[in-house]
């Protein structure tokens, strides 16, 4: 399983870091007006918003190559909050947004989602 690329500083993310947790549920309505709710998966899933700033051309190239190679294939993502490696992660359909302002001043924005 491929690993998410690290920056030259050794980090995978920078502040501000946004992590969202989702709980998949299903609701079944009955004819008497009552409903039953249940979980779709056993644990909550996380979604990270990775916003990187002050990147050089090599770091931007590494990110771009990683995104191009993934094509929906799960990879291991090191959770910046807990420090543990989270398997079964994919890149969000939002893709990768790269902005280059000047030399050594590149920005990147991508979303990593944990899948069940």
N, C-alpha and C. Protein backbone atom coordinates (compact mmCIF):
# COMPACT_ATOMS: atom_id res chain seq x y z
N UNK A 1 0.85 -1.17 0.00
CA UNK A 1 0.00 0.00 0.00
C UNK A 1 0.90 1.24 0.00
N UNK A 2 0.71 2.15 -0.95
CA UNK A 2 1.56 3.35 -1.00
C UNK A 2 1.31 4.28 0.18
N UNK A 3 2.32 5.06 0.49
CA UNK A 3 2.22 6.03 1.58
C UNK A 3 2.08 7.43 1.03
N UNK A 4 1.40 8.27 1.80
CA UNK A 4 1.23 9.68 1.44
C UNK A 4 2.60 10.35 1.50
N UNK A 5 2.92 11.22 0.51
CA UNK A 5 4.25 11.85 0.51
C UNK A 5 4.43 12.83 1.66
N UNK A 6 5.67 12.92 2.13
CA UNK A 6 5.99 13.86 3.20
C UNK A 6 6.71 15.07 2.62
N UNK A 7 6.65 16.17 3.34
CA UNK A 7 7.35 17.38 2.93
C UNK A 7 8.82 17.28 3.34
N UNK A 8 9.63 18.20 2.89
CA UNK A 8 11.05 18.19 3.26
C UNK A 8 11.23 18.35 4.76
N UNK A 9 10.26 18.96 5.41
CA UNK A 9 10.33 19.14 6.86
C UNK A 9 9.98 17.85 7.61
N UNK A 10 9.48 16.84 6.89
CA UNK A 10 9.07 15.59 7.51
C UNK A 10 7.60 15.54 7.86
N UNK A 11 6.89 16.63 7.66
CA UNK A 11 5.46 16.69 7.99
C UNK A 11 4.60 16.26 6.80
N UNK A 12 3.37 15.84 7.07
CA UNK A 12 2.42 15.53 6.02
C UNK A 12 1.35 16.62 5.90
N UNK A 13 1.25 17.47 6.92
CA UNK A 13 0.23 18.51 6.92
C UNK A 13 0.77 19.73 7.66
N UNK A 14 0.08 20.84 7.48
CA UNK A 14 0.43 22.08 8.16
C UNK A 14 -0.85 22.64 8.79
N UNK A 15 -0.66 23.57 9.70
CA UNK A 15 -1.81 24.25 10.29
C UNK A 15 -2.29 25.35 9.37
N UNK A 16 -3.55 25.66 9.28
CA UNK A 16 -4.66 25.05 10.00
C UNK A 16 -5.00 23.69 9.43
N UNK A 17 -5.30 22.75 10.30
CA UNK A 17 -5.66 21.39 9.91
C UNK A 17 -7.11 21.15 10.29
N UNK A 18 -7.88 20.70 9.34
CA UNK A 18 -9.30 20.44 9.59
C UNK A 18 -9.56 18.95 9.44
N UNK A 19 -10.15 18.34 10.47
CA UNK A 19 -10.51 16.93 10.45
C UNK A 19 -11.99 16.83 10.77
N UNK A 20 -12.72 16.14 9.92
CA UNK A 20 -14.15 15.93 10.17
C UNK A 20 -14.40 14.45 10.35
N UNK A 21 -15.32 14.13 11.23
CA UNK A 21 -15.68 12.75 11.49
C UNK A 21 -17.13 12.54 11.09
N UNK A 22 -17.41 11.45 10.37
CA UNK A 22 -18.78 11.18 9.94
C UNK A 22 -19.22 9.80 10.42
N UNK A 23 -20.47 9.73 10.74
CA UNK A 23 -21.10 8.49 11.17
C UNK A 23 -22.17 8.15 10.13
N UNK A 24 -21.96 7.10 9.38
CA UNK A 24 -22.95 6.71 8.37
C UNK A 24 -24.12 6.00 9.01
N UNK A 25 -25.32 6.51 8.80
CA UNK A 25 -26.52 5.87 9.34
C UNK A 25 -27.57 5.71 8.25
N UNK A 26 -28.45 4.77 8.45
CA UNK A 26 -29.57 4.52 7.55
C UNK A 26 -30.84 4.60 8.38
N UNK A 27 -31.87 5.19 7.81
CA UNK A 27 -33.14 5.30 8.50
C UNK A 27 -34.21 4.60 7.67
N UNK A 28 -34.94 3.68 8.30
CA UNK A 28 -35.99 2.93 7.60
C UNK A 28 -37.34 3.34 8.18
N UNK A 29 -38.18 4.02 7.37
CA UNK A 29 -39.52 4.39 7.86
C UNK A 29 -40.48 3.21 7.72
N UNK A 30 -41.42 3.08 8.68
CA UNK A 30 -42.43 2.03 8.63
C UNK A 30 -43.80 2.65 8.39
N UNK A 31 -44.77 1.82 7.99
CA UNK A 31 -46.10 2.30 7.64
C UNK A 31 -46.83 2.95 8.82
N UNK A 32 -46.51 2.55 10.05
CA UNK A 32 -47.18 3.12 11.22
C UNK A 32 -46.59 4.47 11.62
N UNK A 33 -45.60 4.99 10.84
CA UNK A 33 -45.00 6.29 11.13
C UNK A 33 -43.73 6.22 11.96
N UNK A 34 -43.43 5.07 12.50
CA UNK A 34 -42.19 4.94 13.27
C UNK A 34 -41.04 4.71 12.30
N UNK A 35 -39.84 4.80 12.82
CA UNK A 35 -38.66 4.55 11.99
C UNK A 35 -37.58 3.89 12.82
N UNK A 36 -36.73 3.16 12.14
CA UNK A 36 -35.61 2.50 12.80
C UNK A 36 -34.33 3.02 12.16
N UNK A 37 -33.37 3.41 13.01
CA UNK A 37 -32.08 3.91 12.55
C UNK A 37 -30.99 2.91 12.92
N UNK A 38 -30.03 2.75 12.03
CA UNK A 38 -28.91 1.87 12.33
C UNK A 38 -27.66 2.36 11.61
N UNK A 39 -26.50 1.93 12.11
CA UNK A 39 -25.22 2.33 11.53
C UNK A 39 -24.94 1.55 10.25
N UNK A 40 -24.31 2.23 9.30
CA UNK A 40 -23.88 1.56 8.07
C UNK A 40 -22.52 0.91 8.24
N UNK A 41 -21.68 1.47 9.09
CA UNK A 41 -20.37 0.89 9.36
C UNK A 41 -20.09 1.03 10.85
N UNK A 42 -19.19 0.18 11.35
CA UNK A 42 -18.98 0.05 12.78
C UNK A 42 -18.26 1.18 13.49
N UNK A 43 -17.53 2.01 12.74
CA UNK A 43 -16.77 3.07 13.39
C UNK A 43 -16.91 4.35 12.58
N UNK A 44 -16.64 5.47 13.21
CA UNK A 44 -16.70 6.74 12.46
C UNK A 44 -15.55 6.83 11.46
N UNK A 45 -15.79 7.52 10.35
CA UNK A 45 -14.76 7.72 9.33
C UNK A 45 -14.32 9.17 9.33
N UNK A 46 -13.04 9.40 9.04
CA UNK A 46 -12.48 10.76 9.09
C UNK A 46 -12.20 11.30 7.69
N UNK A 47 -12.21 12.64 7.61
CA UNK A 47 -11.87 13.34 6.37
C UNK A 47 -10.97 14.50 6.74
N UNK A 48 -9.78 14.55 6.14
CA UNK A 48 -8.80 15.59 6.43
C UNK A 48 -8.75 16.59 5.29
N UNK A 49 -8.72 17.86 5.63
CA UNK A 49 -8.50 18.94 4.66
C UNK A 49 -7.03 19.33 4.81
N UNK A 50 -6.24 19.00 3.80
CA UNK A 50 -4.80 19.22 3.84
C UNK A 50 -4.49 20.47 3.02
N UNK A 51 -4.09 21.52 3.70
CA UNK A 51 -3.71 22.77 3.05
C UNK A 51 -2.23 23.01 3.33
N UNK A 52 -1.44 23.00 2.27
CA UNK A 52 0.00 23.14 2.39
C UNK A 52 0.45 24.45 1.77
N UNK A 53 1.39 25.12 2.43
CA UNK A 53 1.86 26.43 1.98
C UNK A 53 3.38 26.48 2.00
N UNK A 54 3.95 27.39 1.23
CA UNK A 54 5.40 27.59 1.13
C UNK A 54 6.13 26.33 0.64
N UNK A 55 5.56 25.71 -0.39
CA UNK A 55 6.16 24.51 -0.96
C UNK A 55 7.06 24.89 -2.13
N UNK A 56 8.13 24.12 -2.30
CA UNK A 56 8.99 24.34 -3.47
C UNK A 56 8.49 23.45 -4.63
N UNK A 57 9.17 23.57 -5.76
CA UNK A 57 8.74 22.84 -6.96
C UNK A 57 8.81 21.33 -6.78
N UNK A 58 9.82 20.85 -6.05
CA UNK A 58 9.97 19.42 -5.85
C UNK A 58 8.82 18.86 -5.00
N UNK A 59 8.44 19.56 -3.94
CA UNK A 59 7.34 19.11 -3.09
C UNK A 59 6.02 19.12 -3.87
N UNK A 60 5.80 20.16 -4.67
CA UNK A 60 4.59 20.21 -5.50
C UNK A 60 4.58 19.08 -6.52
N UNK A 61 5.73 18.80 -7.11
CA UNK A 61 5.83 17.71 -8.08
C UNK A 61 5.55 16.36 -7.42
N UNK A 62 6.08 16.15 -6.21
CA UNK A 62 5.82 14.89 -5.49
C UNK A 62 4.34 14.71 -5.21
N UNK A 63 3.66 15.77 -4.78
CA UNK A 63 2.22 15.70 -4.51
C UNK A 63 1.45 15.41 -5.79
N UNK A 64 1.79 16.12 -6.86
CA UNK A 64 1.09 15.95 -8.12
C UNK A 64 1.27 14.53 -8.67
N UNK A 65 2.47 14.01 -8.58
CA UNK A 65 2.74 12.64 -9.04
C UNK A 65 1.95 11.64 -8.20
N UNK A 66 1.92 11.83 -6.89
CA UNK A 66 1.17 10.93 -6.01
C UNK A 66 -0.31 10.93 -6.37
N UNK A 67 -0.89 12.12 -6.58
CA UNK A 67 -2.31 12.22 -6.92
C UNK A 67 -2.58 11.55 -8.26
N UNK A 68 -1.71 11.75 -9.24
CA UNK A 68 -1.89 11.14 -10.56
C UNK A 68 -1.82 9.62 -10.50
N UNK A 69 -1.00 9.08 -9.63
CA UNK A 69 -0.82 7.63 -9.53
C UNK A 69 -1.93 6.95 -8.74
N UNK A 70 -2.63 7.67 -7.90
CA UNK A 70 -3.61 7.04 -7.02
C UNK A 70 -4.82 6.51 -7.79
N UNK A 71 -5.51 7.31 -8.54
CA UNK A 71 -6.66 6.88 -9.33
C UNK A 71 -7.65 6.05 -8.51
N UNK A 72 -7.91 6.46 -7.27
CA UNK A 72 -8.87 5.77 -6.43
C UNK A 72 -8.32 4.58 -5.66
N UNK A 73 -7.03 4.32 -5.77
CA UNK A 73 -6.41 3.20 -5.06
C UNK A 73 -6.17 3.62 -3.60
N UNK A 74 -6.59 2.80 -2.63
CA UNK A 74 -6.36 3.15 -1.22
C UNK A 74 -4.88 3.24 -0.89
N UNK A 75 -4.57 4.11 0.07
CA UNK A 75 -3.19 4.30 0.51
C UNK A 75 -3.18 4.53 2.01
N UNK A 76 -1.99 4.46 2.61
CA UNK A 76 -1.83 4.71 4.04
C UNK A 76 -1.58 6.19 4.26
N UNK A 77 -2.33 6.77 5.18
CA UNK A 77 -2.18 8.19 5.50
C UNK A 77 -1.81 8.34 6.96
N UNK A 78 -0.69 9.00 7.26
CA UNK A 78 -0.32 9.22 8.66
C UNK A 78 -1.16 10.35 9.25
N UNK A 79 -2.03 10.01 10.18
CA UNK A 79 -2.91 11.01 10.80
C UNK A 79 -2.06 12.03 11.54
N UNK A 80 -2.10 13.31 11.11
CA UNK A 80 -1.29 14.33 11.78
C UNK A 80 -1.69 14.59 13.23
N UNK A 81 -2.92 14.26 13.59
CA UNK A 81 -3.40 14.51 14.95
C UNK A 81 -2.91 13.43 15.91
N UNK A 82 -3.14 12.17 15.57
CA UNK A 82 -2.79 11.08 16.48
C UNK A 82 -1.39 10.51 16.23
N UNK A 83 -0.86 10.71 15.02
CA UNK A 83 0.44 10.18 14.68
C UNK A 83 0.41 8.73 14.23
N UNK A 84 -0.76 8.12 14.18
CA UNK A 84 -0.89 6.74 13.73
C UNK A 84 -1.13 6.69 12.23
N UNK A 85 -0.77 5.60 11.61
CA UNK A 85 -1.00 5.41 10.18
C UNK A 85 -2.40 4.85 9.98
N UNK A 86 -3.16 5.50 9.12
CA UNK A 86 -4.53 5.09 8.84
C UNK A 86 -4.56 4.46 7.45
N UNK A 87 -4.83 3.17 7.40
CA UNK A 87 -4.94 2.47 6.12
C UNK A 87 -6.29 2.75 5.48
N UNK A 88 -6.44 2.35 4.24
CA UNK A 88 -7.71 2.50 3.53
C UNK A 88 -8.16 3.95 3.39
N UNK A 89 -7.28 4.80 2.95
CA UNK A 89 -7.63 6.19 2.67
C UNK A 89 -7.57 6.43 1.16
N UNK A 90 -8.41 7.32 0.68
CA UNK A 90 -8.43 7.70 -0.73
C UNK A 90 -8.45 9.21 -0.82
N UNK A 91 -8.08 9.72 -1.99
CA UNK A 91 -8.19 11.15 -2.23
C UNK A 91 -9.62 11.48 -2.61
N UNK A 92 -10.11 12.58 -2.11
CA UNK A 92 -11.47 13.01 -2.40
C UNK A 92 -11.61 13.35 -3.88
N UNK A 93 -12.83 13.31 -4.37
CA UNK A 93 -13.11 13.66 -5.76
C UNK A 93 -12.84 15.14 -6.03
N UNK A 94 -12.65 15.93 -4.96
CA UNK A 94 -12.34 17.35 -5.14
C UNK A 94 -11.00 17.55 -5.83
N UNK A 95 -10.14 16.53 -5.83
CA UNK A 95 -8.86 16.60 -6.51
C UNK A 95 -7.82 17.42 -5.78
N UNK A 96 -6.82 17.84 -6.52
CA UNK A 96 -5.70 18.60 -5.99
C UNK A 96 -5.70 19.98 -6.63
N UNK A 97 -5.63 21.00 -5.81
CA UNK A 97 -5.55 22.37 -6.31
C UNK A 97 -4.17 22.90 -5.97
N UNK A 98 -3.40 23.26 -7.01
CA UNK A 98 -2.05 23.78 -6.82
C UNK A 98 -2.01 25.22 -7.31
N UNK A 99 -1.41 26.10 -6.50
CA UNK A 99 -1.21 27.49 -6.85
C UNK A 99 0.25 27.83 -6.62
N UNK A 100 0.88 28.45 -7.63
CA UNK A 100 2.28 28.86 -7.49
C UNK A 100 2.32 30.38 -7.56
N UNK A 101 2.74 31.01 -6.46
CA UNK A 101 2.83 32.46 -6.41
C UNK A 101 4.19 32.96 -6.85
N UNK A 102 5.22 32.26 -6.43
CA UNK A 102 6.59 32.69 -6.69
C UNK A 102 7.49 31.49 -6.41
N UNK A 103 8.76 31.64 -6.59
CA UNK A 103 9.69 30.57 -6.28
C UNK A 103 9.63 30.25 -4.79
N UNK A 104 9.51 28.97 -4.47
CA UNK A 104 9.39 28.48 -3.08
C UNK A 104 8.13 28.99 -2.38
N UNK A 105 7.11 29.35 -3.14
CA UNK A 105 5.87 29.84 -2.53
C UNK A 105 4.66 29.18 -3.17
N UNK A 106 4.72 27.87 -3.29
CA UNK A 106 3.60 27.12 -3.84
C UNK A 106 2.61 26.73 -2.76
N UNK A 107 1.35 26.57 -3.16
CA UNK A 107 0.31 26.14 -2.24
C UNK A 107 -0.40 24.92 -2.84
N UNK A 108 -0.87 24.07 -1.99
CA UNK A 108 -1.61 22.90 -2.43
C UNK A 108 -2.78 22.66 -1.47
N UNK A 109 -3.90 22.22 -2.02
CA UNK A 109 -5.09 21.90 -1.22
C UNK A 109 -5.64 20.57 -1.73
N UNK A 110 -5.82 19.62 -0.81
CA UNK A 110 -6.42 18.34 -1.16
C UNK A 110 -7.15 17.79 0.05
N UNK A 111 -8.01 16.82 -0.22
CA UNK A 111 -8.82 16.19 0.82
C UNK A 111 -8.55 14.70 0.82
N UNK A 112 -8.30 14.15 2.00
CA UNK A 112 -8.07 12.72 2.18
C UNK A 112 -9.22 12.16 2.99
N UNK A 113 -9.82 11.06 2.49
CA UNK A 113 -10.98 10.45 3.15
C UNK A 113 -10.66 9.02 3.54
N UNK A 114 -11.07 8.66 4.73
CA UNK A 114 -10.96 7.27 5.19
C UNK A 114 -12.19 6.52 4.69
N UNK A 115 -12.01 5.33 4.13
CA UNK A 115 -13.13 4.54 3.63
C UNK A 115 -13.31 3.30 4.49
N UNK A 116 -14.54 2.80 4.51
CA UNK A 116 -14.87 1.64 5.34
C UNK A 116 -14.31 0.36 4.80
